[in-house]
Amino acid sequence: RAFKTAWGYFIPVTAYARWREVFEERQAAFFALRDR
């Protein structure tokens, strides 16, 4: 959900809410695996 720019990966405001939702889901899965 980002454009690759000279400064790095740019997530536009139109994609930000969905990006945050997916990131938080996958972050939770990452820490759930740690706990397991």
Full PDB file with SEQRES, HELIX, SHEET, SSBOND, CRYST1, ORIGX, SCALE, CONECT and MASTER records, all heavy atoms in Angstrom:
SEQRES   1 A   36  ARG ALA PHE LYS THR ALA TRP GLY TYR PHE ILE PRO VAL          
SEQRES   2 A   36  THR ALA TYR ALA ARG TRP ARG GLU VAL PHE GLU GLU ARG          
SEQRES   3 A   36  GLN ALA ALA PHE PHE ALA LEU ARG ASP ARG                      
HELIX    1 AA1 VAL A   13  ASP A   35  1                                  23    
SHEET    1 AA1 2 PHE A   3  THR A   5  0                                        
SHEET    2 AA1 2 GLY A   8  PHE A  10 -1                                        
CRYST1    1.000    1.000    1.000  90.00  90.00  90.00 P 1           1          
ORIGX1      1.000000  0.000000  0.000000        0.00000                         
ORIGX2      0.000000  1.000000  0.000000        0.00000                         
ORIGX3      0.000000  0.000000  1.000000        0.00000                         
SCALE1      1.000000  0.000000  0.000000        0.00000                         
SCALE2      0.000000  1.000000  0.000000        0.00000                         
SCALE3      0.000000  0.000000  1.000000        0.00000                         
ATOM      1  N   ARG A   1       0.814  -1.217   0.000  1.00  0.00           N  
ATOM      2  CA  ARG A   1       0.000   0.000   0.000  1.00  0.00           C  
ATOM      3  C   ARG A   1       0.845   1.263   0.000  1.00  0.00           C  
ATOM      4  O   ARG A   1       0.474   2.257   0.614  1.00  0.00           O  
ATOM      5  CB  ARG A   1      -0.933  -0.011   1.230  1.00  0.00           C  
ATOM      6  CG  ARG A   1      -2.029  -1.049   1.114  1.00  0.00           C  
ATOM      7  CD  ARG A   1      -2.934  -1.076   2.320  1.00  0.00           C  
ATOM      8  NE  ARG A   1      -4.097  -1.894   2.033  1.00  0.00           N  
ATOM      9  CZ  ARG A   1      -4.110  -3.222   2.099  1.00  0.00           C  
ATOM     10  NH1 ARG A   1      -3.026  -3.879   2.458  1.00  0.00           N  
ATOM     11  NH2 ARG A   1      -5.202  -3.896   1.802  1.00  0.00           N  
ATOM     12  N   ALA A   2       1.961   1.222  -0.673  1.00  0.00           N  
ATOM     13  CA  ALA A   2       2.859   2.378  -0.662  1.00  0.00           C  
ATOM     14  C   ALA A   2       3.493   2.577  -2.027  1.00  0.00           C  
ATOM     15  O   ALA A   2       3.579   1.658  -2.837  1.00  0.00           O  
ATOM     16  CB  ALA A   2       3.941   2.190   0.404  1.00  0.00           C  
ATOM     17  N   PHE A   3       3.929   3.807  -2.248  1.00  0.00           N  
ATOM     18  CA  PHE A   3       4.739   4.144  -3.411  1.00  0.00           C  
ATOM     19  C   PHE A   3       6.199   4.192  -2.971  1.00  0.00           C  
ATOM     20  O   PHE A   3       6.519   4.737  -1.910  1.00  0.00           O  
ATOM     21  CB  PHE A   3       4.346   5.517  -3.971  1.00  0.00           C  
ATOM     22  CG  PHE A   3       2.948   5.588  -4.504  1.00  0.00           C  
ATOM     23  CD1 PHE A   3       1.915   6.132  -3.741  1.00  0.00           C  
ATOM     24  CD2 PHE A   3       2.650   5.123  -5.777  1.00  0.00           C  
ATOM     25  CE1 PHE A   3       0.628   6.217  -4.227  1.00  0.00           C  
ATOM     26  CE2 PHE A   3       1.355   5.194  -6.272  1.00  0.00           C  
ATOM     27  CZ  PHE A   3       0.348   5.743  -5.502  1.00  0.00           C  
ATOM     28  N   LYS A   4       7.076   3.659  -3.776  1.00  0.00           N  
ATOM     29  CA  LYS A   4       8.498   3.723  -3.477  1.00  0.00           C  
ATOM     30  C   LYS A   4       9.041   5.040  -4.005  1.00  0.00           C  
ATOM     31  O   LYS A   4       9.046   5.290  -5.206  1.00  0.00           O  
ATOM     32  CB  LYS A   4       9.237   2.544  -4.121  1.00  0.00           C  
ATOM     33  CG  LYS A   4      10.693   2.449  -3.694  1.00  0.00           C  
ATOM     34  CD  LYS A   4      11.361   1.220  -4.281  1.00  0.00           C  
ATOM     35  CE  LYS A   4      12.807   1.115  -3.815  1.00  0.00           C  
ATOM     36  NZ  LYS A   4      13.491  -0.078  -4.393  1.00  0.00           N  
ATOM     37  N   THR A   5       9.500   5.901  -3.111  1.00  0.00           N  
ATOM     38  CA  THR A   5      10.012   7.209  -3.493  1.00  0.00           C  
ATOM     39  C   THR A   5      11.473   7.332  -3.090  1.00  0.00           C  
ATOM     40  O   THR A   5      12.030   6.443  -2.449  1.00  0.00           O  
ATOM     41  CB  THR A   5       9.209   8.338  -2.809  1.00  0.00           C  
ATOM     42  OG1 THR A   5       9.563   8.381  -1.415  1.00  0.00           O  
ATOM     43  CG2 THR A   5       7.712   8.116  -2.951  1.00  0.00           C  
ATOM     44  N   ALA A   6      12.075   8.476  -3.445  1.00  0.00           N  
ATOM     45  CA  ALA A   6      13.477   8.704  -3.097  1.00  0.00           C  
ATOM     46  C   ALA A   6      13.668   8.767  -1.587  1.00  0.00           C  
ATOM     47  O   ALA A   6      14.773   8.530  -1.083  1.00  0.00           O  
ATOM     48  CB  ALA A   6      13.959  10.005  -3.734  1.00  0.00           C  
ATOM     49  N   TRP A   7      12.606   9.074  -0.838  1.00  0.00           N  
ATOM     50  CA  TRP A   7      12.708   9.176   0.621  1.00  0.00           C  
ATOM     51  C   TRP A   7      12.375   7.860   1.327  1.00  0.00           C  
ATOM     52  O   TRP A   7      12.583   7.727   2.513  1.00  0.00           O  
ATOM     53  CB  TRP A   7      11.776  10.272   1.145  1.00  0.00           C  
ATOM     54  CG  TRP A   7      12.197  11.640   0.750  1.00  0.00           C  
ATOM     55  CD1 TRP A   7      13.094  12.453   1.393  1.00  0.00           C  
ATOM     56  CD2 TRP A   7      11.747  12.379  -0.387  1.00  0.00           C  
ATOM     57  NE1 TRP A   7      13.220  13.642   0.721  1.00  0.00           N  
ATOM     58  CE2 TRP A   7      12.410  13.628  -0.379  1.00  0.00           C  
ATOM     59  CE3 TRP A   7      10.849  12.113  -1.416  1.00  0.00           C  
ATOM     60  CZ2 TRP A   7      12.196  14.599  -1.354  1.00  0.00           C  
ATOM     61  CZ3 TRP A   7      10.641  13.066  -2.391  1.00  0.00           C  
ATOM     62  CH2 TRP A   7      11.313  14.297  -2.345  1.00  0.00           C  
ATOM     63  N   GLY A   8      11.802   6.918   0.605  1.00  0.00           N  
ATOM     64  CA  GLY A   8      11.371   5.662   1.207  1.00  0.00           C  
ATOM     65  C   GLY A   8       9.956   5.334   0.758  1.00  0.00           C  
ATOM     66  O   GLY A   8       9.438   5.910  -0.215  1.00  0.00           O  
ATOM     67  N   TYR A   9       9.304   4.420   1.457  1.00  0.00           N  
ATOM     68  CA  TYR A   9       7.953   3.998   1.084  1.00  0.00           C  
ATOM     69  C   TYR A   9       6.927   4.992   1.616  1.00  0.00           C  
ATOM     70  O   TYR A   9       6.857   5.247   2.818  1.00  0.00           O  
ATOM     71  CB  TYR A   9       7.677   2.588   1.600  1.00  0.00           C  
ATOM     72  CG  TYR A   9       8.403   1.533   0.804  1.00  0.00           C  
ATOM     73  CD1 TYR A   9       9.647   1.063   1.205  1.00  0.00           C  
ATOM     74  CD2 TYR A   9       7.862   1.033  -0.389  1.00  0.00           C  
ATOM     75  CE1 TYR A   9      10.327   0.110   0.450  1.00  0.00           C  
ATOM     76  CE2 TYR A   9       8.541   0.097  -1.141  1.00  0.00           C  
ATOM     77  CZ  TYR A   9       9.765  -0.367  -0.716  1.00  0.00           C  
ATOM     78  OH  TYR A   9      10.438  -1.294  -1.467  1.00  0.00           O  
ATOM     79  N   PHE A  10       6.111   5.512   0.698  1.00  0.00           N  
ATOM     80  CA  PHE A  10       5.152   6.566   0.988  1.00  0.00           C  
ATOM     81  C   PHE A  10       3.746   5.980   0.964  1.00  0.00           C  
ATOM     82  O   PHE A  10       3.278   5.495  -0.072  1.00  0.00           O  
ATOM     83  CB  PHE A  10       5.285   7.683  -0.058  1.00  0.00           C  
ATOM     84  CG  PHE A  10       4.319   8.826   0.105  1.00  0.00           C  
ATOM     85  CD1 PHE A  10       4.616   9.890   0.946  1.00  0.00           C  
ATOM     86  CD2 PHE A  10       3.120   8.844  -0.593  1.00  0.00           C  
ATOM     87  CE1 PHE A  10       3.730  10.951   1.088  1.00  0.00           C  
ATOM     88  CE2 PHE A  10       2.225   9.903  -0.456  1.00  0.00           C  
ATOM     89  CZ  PHE A  10       2.534  10.956   0.393  1.00  0.00           C  
ATOM     90  N   ILE A  11       3.066   5.992   2.115  1.00  0.00           N  
ATOM     91  CA  ILE A  11       1.688   5.508   2.207  1.00  0.00           C  
ATOM     92  C   ILE A  11       0.754   6.700   2.141  1.00  0.00           C  
ATOM     93  O   ILE A  11       0.782   7.565   3.026  1.00  0.00           O  
ATOM     94  CB  ILE A  11       1.458   4.734   3.513  1.00  0.00           C  
ATOM     95  CG1 ILE A  11       2.393   3.523   3.595  1.00  0.00           C  
ATOM     96  CG2 ILE A  11       0.002   4.279   3.619  1.00  0.00           C  
ATOM     97  CD1 ILE A  11       2.266   2.749   4.891  1.00  0.00           C  
ATOM     98  N   PRO A  12      -0.081   6.813   1.110  1.00  0.00           N  
ATOM     99  CA  PRO A  12      -0.973   7.975   1.004  1.00  0.00           C  
ATOM    100  C   PRO A  12      -2.092   7.909   2.020  1.00  0.00           C  
ATOM    101  O   PRO A  12      -2.433   6.841   2.546  1.00  0.00           O  
ATOM    102  CB  PRO A  12      -1.504   7.861  -0.440  1.00  0.00           C  
ATOM    103  CG  PRO A  12      -1.410   6.412  -0.771  1.00  0.00           C  
ATOM    104  CD  PRO A  12      -0.206   5.894  -0.040  1.00  0.00           C  
ATOM    105  N   VAL A  13      -2.682   9.064   2.294  1.00  0.00           N  
ATOM    106  CA  VAL A  13      -3.750   9.153   3.286  1.00  0.00           C  
ATOM    107  C   VAL A  13      -4.926   8.266   2.896  1.00  0.00           C  
ATOM    108  O   VAL A  13      -5.626   7.722   3.759  1.00  0.00           O  
ATOM    109  CB  VAL A  13      -4.198  10.615   3.456  1.00  0.00           C  
ATOM    110  CG1 VAL A  13      -4.774  11.184   2.160  1.00  0.00           C  
ATOM    111  CG2 VAL A  13      -5.201  10.742   4.595  1.00  0.00           C  
ATOM    112  N   THR A  14      -5.152   8.068   1.595  1.00  0.00           N  
ATOM    113  CA  THR A  14      -6.265   7.247   1.139  1.00  0.00           C  
ATOM    114  C   THR A  14      -6.080   5.773   1.489  1.00  0.00           C  
ATOM    115  O   THR A  14      -7.048   5.017   1.511  1.00  0.00           O  
ATOM    116  CB  THR A  14      -6.414   7.395  -0.385  1.00  0.00           C  
ATOM    117  OG1 THR A  14      -5.113   7.285  -1.004  1.00  0.00           O  
ATOM    118  CG2 THR A  14      -7.013   8.744  -0.749  1.00  0.00           C  
ATOM    119  N   ALA A  15      -4.847   5.353   1.733  1.00  0.00           N  
ATOM    120  CA  ALA A  15      -4.573   3.950   2.068  1.00  0.00           C  
ATOM    121  C   ALA A  15      -4.203   3.781   3.533  1.00  0.00           C  
ATOM    122  O   ALA A  15      -4.064   2.639   3.994  1.00  0.00           O  
ATOM    123  CB  ALA A  15      -3.437   3.418   1.184  1.00  0.00           C  
ATOM    124  N   TYR A  16      -4.039   4.880   4.263  1.00  0.00           N  
ATOM    125  CA  TYR A  16      -3.475   4.797   5.609  1.00  0.00           C  
ATOM    126  C   TYR A  16      -4.342   3.988   6.573  1.00  0.00           C  
ATOM    127  O   TYR A  16      -3.838   3.135   7.314  1.00  0.00           O  
ATOM    128  CB  TYR A  16      -3.239   6.199   6.177  1.00  0.00           C  
ATOM    129  CG  TYR A  16      -2.656   6.172   7.572  1.00  0.00           C  
ATOM    130  CD1 TYR A  16      -1.310   5.887   7.771  1.00  0.00           C  
ATOM    131  CD2 TYR A  16      -3.462   6.400   8.680  1.00  0.00           C  
ATOM    132  CE1 TYR A  16      -0.771   5.836   9.046  1.00  0.00           C  
ATOM    133  CE2 TYR A  16      -2.935   6.352   9.962  1.00  0.00           C  
ATOM    134  CZ  TYR A  16      -1.591   6.069  10.142  1.00  0.00           C  
ATOM    135  OH  TYR A  16      -1.071   6.007  11.408  1.00  0.00           O  
ATOM    136  N   ALA A  17      -5.647   4.246   6.592  1.00  0.00           N  
ATOM    137  CA  ALA A  17      -6.514   3.562   7.557  1.00  0.00           C  
ATOM    138  C   ALA A  17      -6.483   2.056   7.350  1.00  0.00           C  
ATOM    139  O   ALA A  17      -6.376   1.285   8.311  1.00  0.00           O  
ATOM    140  CB  ALA A  17      -7.944   4.088   7.451  1.00  0.00           C  
ATOM    141  N   ARG A  18      -6.567   1.631   6.084  1.00  0.00           N  
ATOM    142  CA  ARG A  18      -6.533   0.195   5.802  1.00  0.00           C  
ATOM    143  C   ARG A  18      -5.154  -0.370   6.113  1.00  0.00           C  
ATOM    144  O   ARG A  18      -5.041  -1.482   6.642  1.00  0.00           O  
ATOM    145  CB  ARG A  18      -6.903  -0.062   4.336  1.00  0.00           C  
ATOM    146  CG  ARG A  18      -6.888  -1.525   3.925  1.00  0.00           C  
ATOM    147  CD  ARG A  18      -7.799  -2.369   4.779  1.00  0.00           C  
ATOM    148  NE  ARG A  18      -7.783  -3.760   4.357  1.00  0.00           N  
ATOM    149  CZ  ARG A  18      -8.130  -4.778   5.128  1.00  0.00           C  
ATOM    150  NH1 ARG A  18      -8.529  -4.558   6.368  1.00  0.00           N  
ATOM    151  NH2 ARG A  18      -8.081  -6.014   4.677  1.00  0.00           N  
ATOM    152  N   TRP A  19      -4.087   0.380   5.809  1.00  0.00           N  
ATOM    153  CA  TRP A  19      -2.738  -0.090   6.145  1.00  0.00           C  
ATOM    154  C   TRP A  19      -2.608  -0.309   7.648  1.00  0.00           C  
ATOM    155  O   TRP A  19      -2.096  -1.341   8.097  1.00  0.00           O  
ATOM    156  CB  TRP A  19      -1.683   0.918   5.696  1.00  0.00           C  
ATOM    157  CG  TRP A  19      -0.354   0.585   6.299  1.00  0.00           C  
ATOM    158  CD1 TRP A  19       0.538  -0.351   5.869  1.00  0.00           C  
ATOM    159  CD2 TRP A  19       0.179   1.115   7.522  1.00  0.00           C  
ATOM    160  NE1 TRP A  19       1.607  -0.425   6.737  1.00  0.00           N  
ATOM    161  CE2 TRP A  19       1.418   0.453   7.756  1.00  0.00           C  
ATOM    162  CE3 TRP A  19      -0.245   2.074   8.429  1.00  0.00           C  
ATOM    163  CZ2 TRP A  19       2.210   0.746   8.865  1.00  0.00           C  
ATOM    164  CZ3 TRP A  19       0.545   2.358   9.538  1.00  0.00           C  
ATOM    165  CH2 TRP A  19       1.766   1.701   9.744  1.00  0.00           C  
ATOM    166  N   ARG A  20      -3.063   0.651   8.428  1.00  0.00           N  
ATOM    167  CA  ARG A  20      -2.944   0.539   9.888  1.00  0.00           C  
ATOM    168  C   ARG A  20      -3.722  -0.662  10.410  1.00  0.00           C  
ATOM    169  O   ARG A  20      -3.248  -1.389  11.294  1.00  0.00           O  
ATOM    170  CB  ARG A  20      -3.438   1.818  10.551  1.00  0.00           C  
ATOM    171  CG  ARG A  20      -3.266   1.821  12.069  1.00  0.00           C  
ATOM    172  CD  ARG A  20      -3.632   3.165  12.662  1.00  0.00           C  
ATOM    173  NE  ARG A  20      -5.021   3.506  12.378  1.00  0.00           N  
ATOM    174  CZ  ARG A  20      -5.579   4.659  12.715  1.00  0.00           C  
ATOM    175  NH1 ARG A  20      -4.867   5.596  13.328  1.00  0.00           N  
ATOM    176  NH2 ARG A  20      -6.848   4.896  12.434  1.00  0.00           N  
ATOM    177  N   GLU A  21      -4.903  -0.882   9.855  1.00  0.00           N  
ATOM    178  CA  GLU A  21      -5.721  -2.021  10.280  1.00  0.00           C  
ATOM    179  C   GLU A  21      -5.000  -3.342  10.002  1.00  0.00           C  
ATOM    180  O   GLU A  21      -4.916  -4.215  10.876  1.00  0.00           O  
ATOM    181  CB  GLU A  21      -7.067  -1.984   9.546  1.00  0.00           C  
ATOM    182  CG  GLU A  21      -7.984  -3.144   9.874  1.00  0.00           C  
ATOM    183  CD  GLU A  21      -9.258  -3.110   9.043  1.00  0.00           C  
ATOM    184  OE1 GLU A  21      -9.499  -2.105   8.340  1.00  0.00           O  
ATOM    185  OE2 GLU A  21     -10.005  -4.108   9.077  1.00  0.00           O  
ATOM    186  N   VAL A  22      -4.469  -3.483   8.780  1.00  0.00           N  
ATOM    187  CA  VAL A  22      -3.777  -4.723   8.418  1.00  0.00           C  
ATOM    188  C   VAL A  22      -2.496  -4.879   9.232  1.00  0.00           C  
ATOM    189  O   VAL A  22      -2.172  -5.976   9.709  1.00  0.00           O  
ATOM    190  CB  VAL A  22      -3.472  -4.738   6.903  1.00  0.00           C  
ATOM    191  CG1 VAL A  22      -2.598  -5.937   6.537  1.00  0.00           C  
ATOM    192  CG2 VAL A  22      -4.773  -4.772   6.108  1.00  0.00           C  
ATOM    193  N   PHE A  23      -1.757  -3.773   9.412  1.00  0.00           N  
ATOM    194  CA  PHE A  23      -0.521  -3.845  10.180  1.00  0.00           C  
ATOM    195  C   PHE A  23      -0.786  -4.297  11.611  1.00  0.00           C  
ATOM    196  O   PHE A  23      -0.073  -5.161  12.151  1.00  0.00           O  
ATOM    197  CB  PHE A  23       0.184  -2.491  10.183  1.00  0.00           C  
ATOM    198  CG  PHE A  23       1.385  -2.451  11.095  1.00  0.00           C  
ATOM    199  CD1 PHE A  23       2.576  -3.047  10.729  1.00  0.00           C  
ATOM    200  CD2 PHE A  23       1.301  -1.837  12.342  1.00  0.00           C  
ATOM    201  CE1 PHE A  23       3.684  -3.036  11.583  1.00  0.00           C  
ATOM    202  CE2 PHE A  23       2.392  -1.819  13.201  1.00  0.00           C  
ATOM    203  CZ  PHE A  23       3.582  -2.424  12.815  1.00  0.00           C  
ATOM    204  N   GLU A  24      -1.801  -3.729  12.237  1.00  0.00           N  
ATOM    205  CA  GLU A  24      -2.088  -4.091  13.618  1.00  0.00           C  
ATOM    206  C   GLU A  24      -2.523  -5.551  13.732  1.00  0.00           C  
ATOM    207  O   GLU A  24      -2.179  -6.245  14.699  1.00  0.00           O  
ATOM    208  CB  GLU A  24      -3.159  -3.160  14.191  1.00  0.00           C  
ATOM    209  CG  GLU A  24      -2.635  -1.744  14.413  1.00  0.00           C  
ATOM    210  CD  GLU A  24      -3.713  -0.773  14.860  1.00  0.00           C  
ATOM    211  OE1 GLU A  24      -4.908  -1.168  14.842  1.00  0.00           O  
ATOM    212  OE2 GLU A  24      -3.372   0.373  15.223  1.00  0.00           O  
ATOM    213  N   GLU A  25      -3.272  -6.041  12.728  1.00  0.00           N  
ATOM    214  CA  GLU A  25      -3.657  -7.459  12.728  1.00  0.00           C  
ATOM    215  C   GLU A  25      -2.420  -8.349  12.636  1.00  0.00           C  
ATOM    216  O   GLU A  25      -2.288  -9.335  13.386  1.00  0.00           O  
ATOM    217  CB  GLU A  25      -4.593  -7.748  11.549  1.00  0.00           C  
ATOM    218  CG  GLU A  25      -5.987  -7.167  11.672  1.00  0.00           C  
ATOM    219  CD  GLU A  25      -6.798  -7.379  10.418  1.00  0.00           C  
ATOM    220  OE1 GLU A  25      -6.246  -7.955   9.436  1.00  0.00           O  
ATOM    221  OE2 GLU A  25      -7.985  -6.993  10.392  1.00  0.00           O  
ATOM    222  N   ARG A  26      -1.511  -8.011  11.722  1.00  0.00           N  
ATOM    223  CA  ARG A  26      -0.332  -8.853  11.531  1.00  0.00           C  
ATOM    224  C   ARG A  26       0.671  -8.689  12.666  1.00  0.00           C  
ATOM    225  O   ARG A  26       1.387  -9.632  13.003  1.00  0.00           O  
ATOM    226  CB  ARG A  26       0.302  -8.530  10.181  1.00  0.00           C  
ATOM    227  CG  ARG A  26      -0.621  -8.876   9.016  1.00  0.00           C  
ATOM    228  CD  ARG A  26      -0.018  -8.580   7.666  1.00  0.00           C  
ATOM    229  NE  ARG A  26      -0.957  -8.907   6.610  1.00  0.00           N  
ATOM    230  CZ  ARG A  26      -0.697  -8.771   5.317  1.00  0.00           C  
ATOM    231  NH1 ARG A  26       0.488  -8.314   4.912  1.00  0.00           N  
ATOM    232  NH2 ARG A  26      -1.612  -9.091   4.412  1.00  0.00           N  
ATOM    233  N   GLN A  27       0.715  -7.506  13.251  1.00  0.00           N  
ATOM    234  CA  GLN A  27       1.565  -7.309  14.421  1.00  0.00           C  
ATOM    235  C   GLN A  27       1.067  -8.170  15.589  1.00  0.00           C  
ATOM    236  O   GLN A  27       1.866  -8.788  16.317  1.00  0.00           O  
ATOM    237  CB  GLN A  27       1.568  -5.837  14.814  1.00  0.00           C  
ATOM    238  CG  GLN A  27       2.524  -5.491  15.947  1.00  0.00           C  
ATOM    239  CD  GLN A  27       2.396  -4.040  16.361  1.00  0.00           C  
ATOM    240  OE1 GLN A  27       1.292  -3.533  16.545  1.00  0.00           O  
ATOM    241  NE2 GLN A  27       3.524  -3.360  16.504  1.00  0.00           N  
ATOM    242  N   ALA A  28      -0.256  -8.228  15.751  1.00  0.00           N  
ATOM    243  CA  ALA A  28      -0.830  -9.067  16.806  1.00  0.00           C  
ATOM    244  C   ALA A  28      -0.522 -10.533  16.560  1.00  0.00           C  
ATOM    245  O   ALA A  28      -0.223 -11.285  17.503  1.00  0.00           O  
ATOM    246  CB  ALA A  28      -2.338  -8.839  16.883  1.00  0.00           C  
ATOM    247  N   ALA A  29      -0.563 -10.966  15.289  1.00  0.00           N  
ATOM    248  CA  ALA A  29      -0.240 -12.357  14.964  1.00  0.00           C  
ATOM    249  C   ALA A  29       1.222 -12.653  15.267  1.00  0.00           C  
ATOM    250  O   ALA A  29       1.571 -13.761  15.721  1.00  0.00           O  
ATOM    251  CB  ALA A  29      -0.549 -12.638  13.501  1.00  0.00           C  
ATOM    252  N   PHE A  30       2.088 -11.676  15.029  1.00  0.00           N  
ATOM    253  CA  PHE A  30       3.517 -11.832  15.297  1.00  0.00           C  
ATOM    254  C   PHE A  30       3.765 -12.053  16.792  1.00  0.00           C  
ATOM    255  O   PHE A  30       4.472 -12.988  17.203  1.00  0.00           O  
ATOM    256  CB  PHE A  30       4.253 -10.589  14.794  1.00  0.00           C  
ATOM    257  CG  PHE A  30       5.712 -10.530  15.137  1.00  0.00           C  
ATOM    258  CD1 PHE A  30       6.633 -11.312  14.458  1.00  0.00           C  
ATOM    259  CD2 PHE A  30       6.170  -9.668  16.128  1.00  0.00           C  
ATOM    260  CE1 PHE A  30       7.994 -11.247  14.767  1.00  0.00           C  
ATOM    261  CE2 PHE A  30       7.520  -9.599  16.437  1.00  0.00           C  
ATOM    262  CZ  PHE A  30       8.429 -10.391  15.755  1.00  0.00           C  
ATOM    263  N   PHE A  31       3.151 -11.221  17.625  1.00  0.00           N  
ATOM    264  CA  PHE A  31       3.357 -11.354  19.063  1.00  0.00           C  
ATOM    265  C   PHE A  31       2.613 -12.575  19.622  1.00  0.00           C  
ATOM    266  O   PHE A  31       3.040 -13.158  20.632  1.00  0.00           O  
ATOM    267  CB  PHE A  31       2.946 -10.078  19.780  1.00  0.00           C  
ATOM    268  CG  PHE A  31       3.900  -8.942  19.569  1.00  0.00           C  
ATOM    269  CD1 PHE A  31       3.479  -7.722  19.058  1.00  0.00           C  
ATOM    270  CD2 PHE A  31       5.245  -9.099  19.872  1.00  0.00           C  
ATOM    271  CE1 PHE A  31       4.368  -6.681  18.862  1.00  0.00           C  
ATOM    272  CE2 PHE A  31       6.148  -8.066  19.681  1.00  0.00           C  
ATOM    273  CZ  PHE A  31       5.713  -6.851  19.164  1.00  0.00           C  
ATOM    274  N   ALA A  32       1.514 -12.972  18.962  1.00  0.00           N  
ATOM    275  CA  ALA A  32       0.827 -14.201  19.389  1.00  0.00           C  
ATOM    276  C   ALA A  32       1.718 -15.418  19.153  1.00  0.00           C  
ATOM    277  O   ALA A  32       1.735 -16.354  19.968  1.00  0.00           O  
ATOM    278  CB  ALA A  32      -0.491 -14.352  18.633  1.00  0.00           C  
ATOM    279  N   LEU A  33       2.470 -15.402  18.056  1.00  0.00           N  
ATOM    280  CA  LEU A  33       3.408 -16.501  17.793  1.00  0.00           C  
ATOM    281  C   LEU A  33       4.522 -16.502  18.836  1.00  0.00           C  
ATOM    282  O   LEU A  33       4.938 -17.566  19.315  1.00  0.00           O  
ATOM    283  CB  LEU A  33       3.974 -16.366  16.388  1.00  0.00           C  
ATOM    284  CG  LEU A  33       4.967 -17.457  15.957  1.00  0.00           C  
ATOM    285  CD1 LEU A  33       4.367 -18.846  16.093  1.00  0.00           C  
ATOM    286  CD2 LEU A  33       5.444 -17.208  14.529  1.00  0.00           C  
ATOM    287  N   ARG A  34       5.010 -15.312  19.189  1.00  0.00           N  
ATOM    288  CA  ARG A  34       6.008 -15.225  20.261  1.00  0.00           C  
ATOM    289  C   ARG A  34       5.471 -15.848  21.549  1.00  0.00           C  
ATOM    290  O   ARG A  34       6.158 -16.658  22.212  1.00  0.00           O  
ATOM    291  CB  ARG A  34       6.369 -13.763  20.499  1.00  0.00           C  
ATOM    292  CG  ARG A  34       7.292 -13.529  21.695  1.00  0.00           C  
ATOM    293  CD  ARG A  34       7.170 -12.107  22.216  1.00  0.00           C  
ATOM    294  NE  ARG A  34       5.811 -11.808  22.689  1.00  0.00           N  
ATOM    295  CZ  ARG A  34       5.408 -10.606  23.071  1.00  0.00           C  
ATOM    296  NH1 ARG A  34       6.247  -9.583  23.028  1.00  0.00           N  
ATOM    297  NH2 ARG A  34       4.162 -10.421  23.490  1.00  0.00           N  
ATOM    298  N   ASP A  35       4.240 -15.485  21.910  1.00  0.00           N  
ATOM    299  CA  ASP A  35       3.651 -16.005  23.147  1.00  0.00           C  
ATOM    300  C   ASP A  35       3.468 -17.515  23.069  1.00  0.00           C  
ATOM    301  O   ASP A  35       3.623 -18.226  24.075  1.00  0.00           O  
ATOM    302  CB  ASP A  35       2.310 -15.329  23.416  1.00  0.00           C  
ATOM    303  CG  ASP A  35       2.453 -13.827  23.665  1.00  0.00           C  
ATOM    304  OD1 ASP A  35       3.590 -13.388  23.968  1.00  0.00           O  
ATOM    305  OD2 ASP A  35       1.453 -13.102  23.545  1.00  0.00           O  
ATOM    306  N   ARG A  36       3.158 -18.008  21.891  1.00  0.00           N  
ATOM    307  CA  ARG A  36       2.996 -19.463  21.724  1.00  0.00           C  
ATOM    308  C   ARG A  36       4.332 -20.176  21.927  1.00  0.00           C  
ATOM    309  O   ARG A  36       4.385 -21.244  22.554  1.00  0.00           O  
ATOM    310  CB  ARG A  36       2.437 -19.759  20.342  1.00  0.00           C  
ATOM    311  CG  ARG A  36       2.322 -21.241  20.033  1.00  0.00           C  
ATOM    312  CD  ARG A  36       1.892 -21.462  18.601  1.00  0.00           C  
ATOM    313  NE  ARG A  36       1.987 -22.858  18.223  1.00  0.00           N  
ATOM    314  CZ  ARG A  36       1.829 -23.292  16.978  1.00  0.00           C  
ATOM    315  NH1 ARG A  36       1.568 -22.438  15.990  1.00  0.00           N  
ATOM    316  NH2 ARG A  36       1.939 -24.577  16.712  1.00  0.00           N  
TER     317      ARG A  36                                                      
MASTER        0    0    0    1    2    0    0    6  316    1    0    3          
END                                                                             
